[in-house]
Amino acid sequence: VLDEPTAAMDVETRRGFWHAMEGFTE
């Protein structure tokens, strides 16, 4: 459960974050 998870992250870090989340749901 994530509440505003990418707040304060820059664009590159946000992209990396969601890439990691894809692995989580897989």
PDB file of all heavy atoms in Angstrom:
ATOM      1  N   VAL A   1       0.856  -1.180   0.000  1.00  0.00           N
ATOM      2  CA  VAL A   1       0.000   0.000   0.000  1.00  0.00           C
ATOM      3  C   VAL A   1       0.896   1.234   0.000  1.00  0.00           C
ATOM      4  O   VAL A   1       1.705   1.425   0.912  1.00  0.00           O
ATOM      5  CB  VAL A   1      -0.926   0.007   1.232  1.00  0.00           C
ATOM      6  CG1 VAL A   1      -1.804   1.264   1.219  1.00  0.00           C
ATOM      7  CG2 VAL A   1      -1.795  -1.244   1.254  1.00  0.00           C
ATOM      8  N   LEU A   2       0.740   2.073  -1.021  1.00  0.00           N
ATOM      9  CA  LEU A   2       1.642   3.204  -1.227  1.00  0.00           C
ATOM     10  C   LEU A   2       0.847   4.501  -1.294  1.00  0.00           C
ATOM     11  O   LEU A   2      -0.046   4.640  -2.133  1.00  0.00           O
ATOM     12  CB  LEU A   2       2.423   3.022  -2.534  1.00  0.00           C
ATOM     13  CG  LEU A   2       3.117   1.668  -2.739  1.00  0.00           C
ATOM     14  CD1 LEU A   2       3.652   1.562  -4.165  1.00  0.00           C
ATOM     15  CD2 LEU A   2       4.245   1.488  -1.742  1.00  0.00           C
ATOM     16  N   ASP A   3       1.161   5.440  -0.419  1.00  0.00           N
ATOM     17  CA  ASP A   3       0.480   6.732  -0.395  1.00  0.00           C
ATOM     18  C   ASP A   3       1.426   7.784  -0.965  1.00  0.00           C
ATOM     19  O   ASP A   3       2.427   8.128  -0.345  1.00  0.00           O
ATOM     20  CB  ASP A   3       0.087   7.078   1.044  1.00  0.00           C
ATOM     21  CG  ASP A   3      -0.839   8.282   1.132  1.00  0.00           C
ATOM     22  OD1 ASP A   3      -1.348   8.708   0.075  1.00  0.00           O
ATOM     23  OD2 ASP A   3      -1.044   8.792   2.237  1.00  0.00           O
ATOM     24  N   GLU A   4       1.127   8.269  -2.168  1.00  0.00           N
ATOM     25  CA  GLU A   4       1.984   9.238  -2.869  1.00  0.00           C
ATOM     26  C   GLU A   4       3.441   8.754  -2.897  1.00  0.00           C
ATOM     27  O   GLU A   4       4.350   9.438  -2.431  1.00  0.00           O
ATOM     28  CB  GLU A   4       1.894  10.613  -2.203  1.00  0.00           C
ATOM     29  CG  GLU A   4       0.512  11.223  -2.206  1.00  0.00           C
ATOM     30  CD  GLU A   4       0.051  11.644  -3.591  1.00  0.00           C
ATOM     31  OE1 GLU A   4       0.888  11.774  -4.495  1.00  0.00           O
ATOM     32  OE2 GLU A   4      -1.170  11.828  -3.763  1.00  0.00           O
ATOM     33  N   PRO A   5       3.700   7.576  -3.465  1.00  0.00           N
ATOM     34  CA  PRO A   5       5.021   6.963  -3.337  1.00  0.00           C
ATOM     35  C   PRO A   5       6.167   7.696  -4.018  1.00  0.00           C
ATOM     36  O   PRO A   5       7.311   7.601  -3.576  1.00  0.00           O
ATOM     37  CB  PRO A   5       4.826   5.573  -3.964  1.00  0.00           C
ATOM     38  CG  PRO A   5       3.691   5.757  -4.916  1.00  0.00           C
ATOM     39  CD  PRO A   5       2.774   6.735  -4.241  1.00  0.00           C
ATOM     40  N   THR A   6       5.885   8.434  -5.106  1.00  0.00           N
ATOM     41  CA  THR A   6       6.982   9.058  -5.845  1.00  0.00           C
ATOM     42  C   THR A   6       7.106  10.553  -5.578  1.00  0.00           C
ATOM     43  O   THR A   6       7.815  11.253  -6.292  1.00  0.00           O
ATOM     44  CB  THR A   6       6.821   8.821  -7.355  1.00  0.00           C
ATOM     45  OG1 THR A   6       5.565   9.348  -7.785  1.00  0.00           O
ATOM     46  CG2 THR A   6       6.883   7.337  -7.685  1.00  0.00           C
ATOM     47  N   ALA A   7       6.408  11.044  -4.559  1.00  0.00           N
ATOM     48  CA  ALA A   7       6.574  12.449  -4.176  1.00  0.00           C
ATOM     49  C   ALA A   7       8.031  12.698  -3.830  1.00  0.00           C
ATOM     50  O   ALA A   7       8.674  11.900  -3.155  1.00  0.00           O
ATOM     51  CB  ALA A   7       5.687  12.771  -2.976  1.00  0.00           C
ATOM     52  N   ALA A   8       8.582  13.800  -4.316  1.00  0.00           N
ATOM     53  CA  ALA A   8       9.964  14.226  -4.082  1.00  0.00           C
ATOM     54  C   ALA A   8      10.991  13.432  -4.888  1.00  0.00           C
ATOM     55  O   ALA A   8      12.183  13.693  -4.785  1.00  0.00           O
ATOM     56  CB  ALA A   8      10.328  14.159  -2.589  1.00  0.00           C
ATOM     57  N   MET A   9      10.547  12.482  -5.715  1.00  0.00           N
ATOM     58  CA  MET A   9      11.487  11.753  -6.567  1.00  0.00           C
ATOM     59  C   MET A   9      11.657  12.488  -7.891  1.00  0.00           C
ATOM     60  O   MET A   9      10.691  13.039  -8.424  1.00  0.00           O
ATOM     61  CB  MET A   9      10.987  10.331  -6.840  1.00  0.00           C
ATOM     62  CG  MET A   9      10.998   9.408  -5.654  1.00  0.00           C
ATOM     63  SD  MET A   9      10.530   7.717  -6.159  1.00  0.00           S
ATOM     64  CE  MET A   9      10.467   6.902  -4.564  1.00  0.00           C
ATOM     65  N   ASP A  10      12.875  12.458  -8.434  1.00  0.00           N
ATOM     66  CA  ASP A  10      13.077  13.044  -9.758  1.00  0.00           C
ATOM     67  C   ASP A  10      12.585  12.069 -10.828  1.00  0.00           C
ATOM     68  O   ASP A  10      12.203  10.929 -10.536  1.00  0.00           O
ATOM     69  CB  ASP A  10      14.539  13.430  -9.966  1.00  0.00           C
ATOM     70  CG  ASP A  10      15.500  12.249  -9.843  1.00  0.00           C
ATOM     71  OD1 ASP A  10      15.127  11.111 -10.230  1.00  0.00           O
ATOM     72  OD2 ASP A  10      16.627  12.447  -9.346  1.00  0.00           O
ATOM     73  N   VAL A  11      12.590  12.510 -12.070  1.00  0.00           N
ATOM     74  CA  VAL A  11      11.997  11.725 -13.156  1.00  0.00           C
ATOM     75  C   VAL A  11      12.687  10.376 -13.306  1.00  0.00           C
ATOM     76  O   VAL A  11      12.028   9.340 -13.445  1.00  0.00           O
ATOM     77  CB  VAL A  11      12.065  12.511 -14.480  1.00  0.00           C
ATOM     78  CG1 VAL A  11      11.604  11.638 -15.635  1.00  0.00           C
ATOM     79  CG2 VAL A  11      11.219  13.773 -14.400  1.00  0.00           C
ATOM     80  N   GLU A  12      14.005  10.360 -13.264  1.00  0.00           N
ATOM     81  CA  GLU A  12      14.742   9.117 -13.447  1.00  0.00           C
ATOM     82  C   GLU A  12      14.456   8.130 -12.321  1.00  0.00           C
ATOM     83  O   GLU A  12      14.279   6.934 -12.547  1.00  0.00           O
ATOM     84  CB  GLU A  12      16.243   9.404 -13.532  1.00  0.00           C
ATOM     85  CG  GLU A  12      17.082   8.175 -13.821  1.00  0.00           C
ATOM     86  CD  GLU A  12      18.560   8.500 -13.984  1.00  0.00           C
ATOM     87  OE1 GLU A  12      18.904   9.699 -14.009  1.00  0.00           O
ATOM     88  OE2 GLU A  12      19.356   7.560 -14.080  1.00  0.00           O
ATOM     89  N   THR A  13      14.406   8.634 -11.085  1.00  0.00           N
ATOM     90  CA  THR A  13      14.142   7.772  -9.944  1.00  0.00           C
ATOM     91  C   THR A  13      12.721   7.236  -9.986  1.00  0.00           C
ATOM     92  O   THR A  13      12.463   6.071  -9.654  1.00  0.00           O
ATOM     93  CB  THR A  13      14.374   8.526  -8.623  1.00  0.00           C
ATOM     94  OG1 THR A  13      15.708   9.053  -8.614  1.00  0.00           O
ATOM     95  CG2 THR A  13      14.212   7.606  -7.427  1.00  0.00           C
ATOM     96  N   ARG A  14      11.770   8.067 -10.416  1.00  0.00           N
ATOM     97  CA  ARG A  14      10.391   7.603 -10.552  1.00  0.00           C
ATOM     98  C   ARG A  14      10.301   6.483 -11.571  1.00  0.00           C
ATOM     99  O   ARG A  14       9.594   5.481 -11.356  1.00  0.00           O
ATOM    100  CB  ARG A  14       9.483   8.770 -10.979  1.00  0.00           C
ATOM    101  CG  ARG A  14       9.172   9.755  -9.882  1.00  0.00           C
ATOM    102  CD  ARG A  14       8.497  10.997 -10.420  1.00  0.00           C
ATOM    103  NE  ARG A  14       7.226  10.717 -11.059  1.00  0.00           N
ATOM    104  CZ  ARG A  14       6.535  11.610 -11.763  1.00  0.00           C
ATOM    105  NH1 ARG A  14       7.011  12.831 -11.939  1.00  0.00           N
ATOM    106  NH2 ARG A  14       5.377  11.294 -12.297  1.00  0.00           N
ATOM    107  N   ARG A  15      11.016   6.617 -12.668  1.00  0.00           N
ATOM    108  CA  ARG A  15      10.997   5.571 -13.690  1.00  0.00           C
ATOM    109  C   ARG A  15      11.559   4.265 -13.129  1.00  0.00           C
ATOM    110  O   ARG A  15      11.001   3.178 -13.338  1.00  0.00           O
ATOM    111  CB  ARG A  15      11.795   6.016 -14.913  1.00  0.00           C
ATOM    112  CG  ARG A  15      11.715   5.041 -16.072  1.00  0.00           C
ATOM    113  CD  ARG A  15      12.522   5.517 -17.259  1.00  0.00           C
ATOM    114  NE  ARG A  15      11.979   6.749 -17.820  1.00  0.00           N
ATOM    115  CZ  ARG A  15      12.610   7.907 -17.812  1.00  0.00           C
ATOM    116  NH1 ARG A  15      13.816   8.016 -17.265  1.00  0.00           N
ATOM    117  NH2 ARG A  15      12.060   8.967 -18.349  1.00  0.00           N
ATOM    118  N   GLY A  16      12.656   4.371 -12.390  1.00  0.00           N
ATOM    119  CA  GLY A  16      13.246   3.189 -11.772  1.00  0.00           C
ATOM    120  C   GLY A  16      12.330   2.565 -10.733  1.00  0.00           C
ATOM    121  O   GLY A  16      12.254   1.340 -10.595  1.00  0.00           O
ATOM    122  N   PHE A  17      11.625   3.421  -9.992  1.00  0.00           N
ATOM    123  CA  PHE A  17      10.694   2.934  -8.984  1.00  0.00           C
ATOM    124  C   PHE A  17       9.616   2.062  -9.612  1.00  0.00           C
ATOM    125  O   PHE A  17       9.350   0.938  -9.161  1.00  0.00           O
ATOM    126  CB  PHE A  17      10.062   4.134  -8.264  1.00  0.00           C
ATOM    127  CG  PHE A  17       8.901   3.769  -7.379  1.00  0.00           C
ATOM    128  CD1 PHE A  17       9.120   3.381  -6.067  1.00  0.00           C
ATOM    129  CD2 PHE A  17       7.599   3.821  -7.854  1.00  0.00           C
ATOM    130  CE1 PHE A  17       8.054   3.041  -5.251  1.00  0.00           C
ATOM    131  CE2 PHE A  17       6.532   3.492  -7.039  1.00  0.00           C
ATOM    132  CZ  PHE A  17       6.757   3.094  -5.731  1.00  0.00           C
ATOM    133  N   TRP A  18       8.984   2.558 -10.684  1.00  0.00           N
ATOM    134  CA  TRP A  18       7.890   1.796 -11.281  1.00  0.00           C
ATOM    135  C   TRP A  18       8.386   0.567 -12.017  1.00  0.00           C
ATOM    136  O   TRP A  18       7.664  -0.444 -12.107  1.00  0.00           O
ATOM    137  CB  TRP A  18       7.049   2.697 -12.185  1.00  0.00           C
ATOM    138  CG  TRP A  18       6.186   3.617 -11.382  1.00  0.00           C
ATOM    139  CD1 TRP A  18       6.263   4.974 -11.292  1.00  0.00           C
ATOM    140  CD2 TRP A  18       5.122   3.233 -10.501  1.00  0.00           C
ATOM    141  NE1 TRP A  18       5.326   5.456 -10.415  1.00  0.00           N
ATOM    142  CE2 TRP A  18       4.610   4.420  -9.914  1.00  0.00           C
ATOM    143  CE3 TRP A  18       4.563   2.004 -10.149  1.00  0.00           C
ATOM    144  CZ2 TRP A  18       3.554   4.394  -9.002  1.00  0.00           C
ATOM    145  CZ3 TRP A  18       3.502   1.987  -9.239  1.00  0.00           C
ATOM    146  CH2 TRP A  18       3.026   3.172  -8.683  1.00  0.00           C
ATOM    147  N   HIS A  19       9.600   0.610 -12.503  1.00  0.00           N
ATOM    148  CA  HIS A  19      10.186  -0.600 -13.086  1.00  0.00           C
ATOM    149  C   HIS A  19      10.329  -1.673 -12.007  1.00  0.00           C
ATOM    150  O   HIS A  19      10.036  -2.851 -12.242  1.00  0.00           O
ATOM    151  CB  HIS A  19      11.547  -0.283 -13.710  1.00  0.00           C
ATOM    152  CG  HIS A  19      12.229  -1.483 -14.301  1.00  0.00           C
ATOM    153  ND1 HIS A  19      11.801  -2.090 -15.457  1.00  0.00           N
ATOM    154  CD2 HIS A  19      13.311  -2.206 -13.875  1.00  0.00           C
ATOM    155  CE1 HIS A  19      12.573  -3.116 -15.731  1.00  0.00           C
ATOM    156  NE2 HIS A  19      13.497  -3.215 -14.794  1.00  0.00           N
ATOM    157  N   ALA A  20      10.755  -1.272 -10.825  1.00  0.00           N
ATOM    158  CA  ALA A  20      10.869  -2.212  -9.711  1.00  0.00           C
ATOM    159  C   ALA A  20       9.505  -2.759  -9.315  1.00  0.00           C
ATOM    160  O   ALA A  20       9.363  -3.940  -8.981  1.00  0.00           O
ATOM    161  CB  ALA A  20      11.539  -1.538  -8.516  1.00  0.00           C
ATOM    162  N   MET A  21       8.482  -1.913  -9.361  1.00  0.00           N
ATOM    163  CA  MET A  21       7.137  -2.360  -8.994  1.00  0.00           C
ATOM    164  C   MET A  21       6.584  -3.370 -10.000  1.00  0.00           C
ATOM    165  O   MET A  21       5.806  -4.253  -9.642  1.00  0.00           O
ATOM    166  CB  MET A  21       6.198  -1.160  -8.879  1.00  0.00           C
ATOM    167  CG  MET A  21       6.510  -0.240  -7.696  1.00  0.00           C
ATOM    168  SD  MET A  21       6.470  -1.066  -6.071  1.00  0.00           S
ATOM    169  CE  MET A  21       8.222  -1.463  -5.850  1.00  0.00           C
ATOM    170  N   GLU A  22       6.996  -3.271 -11.259  1.00  0.00           N
ATOM    171  CA  GLU A  22       6.590  -4.267 -12.247  1.00  0.00           C
ATOM    172  C   GLU A  22       7.104  -5.643 -11.837  1.00  0.00           C
ATOM    173  O   GLU A  22       6.384  -6.644 -11.929  1.00  0.00           O
ATOM    174  CB  GLU A  22       7.122  -3.896 -13.628  1.00  0.00           C
ATOM    175  CG  GLU A  22       6.424  -2.718 -14.280  1.00  0.00           C
ATOM    176  CD  GLU A  22       7.028  -2.369 -15.621  1.00  0.00           C
ATOM    177  OE1 GLU A  22       7.895  -3.146 -16.102  1.00  0.00           O
ATOM    178  OE2 GLU A  22       6.666  -1.336 -16.187  1.00  0.00           O
ATOM    179  N   GLY A  23       8.333  -5.687 -11.376  1.00  0.00           N
ATOM    180  CA  GLY A  23       8.896  -6.953 -10.896  1.00  0.00           C
ATOM    181  C   GLY A  23       8.145  -7.478  -9.688  1.00  0.00           C
ATOM    182  O   GLY A  23       7.978  -8.688  -9.512  1.00  0.00           O
ATOM    183  N   PHE A  24       7.663  -6.582  -8.845  1.00  0.00           N
ATOM    184  CA  PHE A  24       6.927  -6.965  -7.647  1.00  0.00           C
ATOM    185  C   PHE A  24       5.612  -7.656  -8.022  1.00  0.00           C
ATOM    186  O   PHE A  24       5.280  -8.721  -7.499  1.00  0.00           O
ATOM    187  CB  PHE A  24       6.662  -5.709  -6.809  1.00  0.00           C
ATOM    188  CG  PHE A  24       6.058  -5.965  -5.459  1.00  0.00           C
ATOM    189  CD1 PHE A  24       6.834  -6.369  -4.396  1.00  0.00           C
ATOM    190  CD2 PHE A  24       4.703  -5.779  -5.252  1.00  0.00           C
ATOM    191  CE1 PHE A  24       6.279  -6.598  -3.148  1.00  0.00           C
ATOM    192  CE2 PHE A  24       4.127  -5.998  -4.017  1.00  0.00           C
ATOM    193  CZ  PHE A  24       4.918  -6.418  -2.958  1.00  0.00           C
ATOM    194  N   THR A  25       4.856  -7.073  -8.961  1.00  0.00           N
ATOM    195  CA  THR A  25       3.573  -7.669  -9.348  1.00  0.00           C
ATOM    196  C   THR A  25       3.765  -8.928 -10.195  1.00  0.00           C
ATOM    197  O   THR A  25       2.894  -9.801 -10.198  1.00  0.00           O
ATOM    198  CB  THR A  25       2.714  -6.659 -10.121  1.00  0.00           C
ATOM    199  OG1 THR A  25       3.457  -6.128 -11.228  1.00  0.00           O
ATOM    200  CG2 THR A  25       2.293  -5.520  -9.214  1.00  0.00           C
ATOM    201  N   GLU A  26       4.868  -9.037 -10.901  1.00  0.00           N
ATOM    202  CA  GLU A  26       5.128 -10.246 -11.676  1.00  0.00           C
ATOM    203  C   GLU A  26       5.265 -11.474 -10.780  1.00  0.00           C
ATOM    204  O   GLU A  26       5.096 -12.603 -11.233  1.00  0.00           O
ATOM    205  CB  GLU A  26       6.395 -10.068 -12.520  1.00  0.00           C
ATOM    206  CG  GLU A  26       6.175  -9.176 -13.745  1.00  0.00           C
ATOM    207  CD  GLU A  26       7.473  -8.845 -14.457  1.00  0.00           C
ATOM    208  OE1 GLU A  26       8.547  -9.296 -13.980  1.00  0.00           O
ATOM    209  OE2 GLU A  26       7.423  -8.144 -15.483  1.00  0.00           O
TER     210      GLU A  26
END
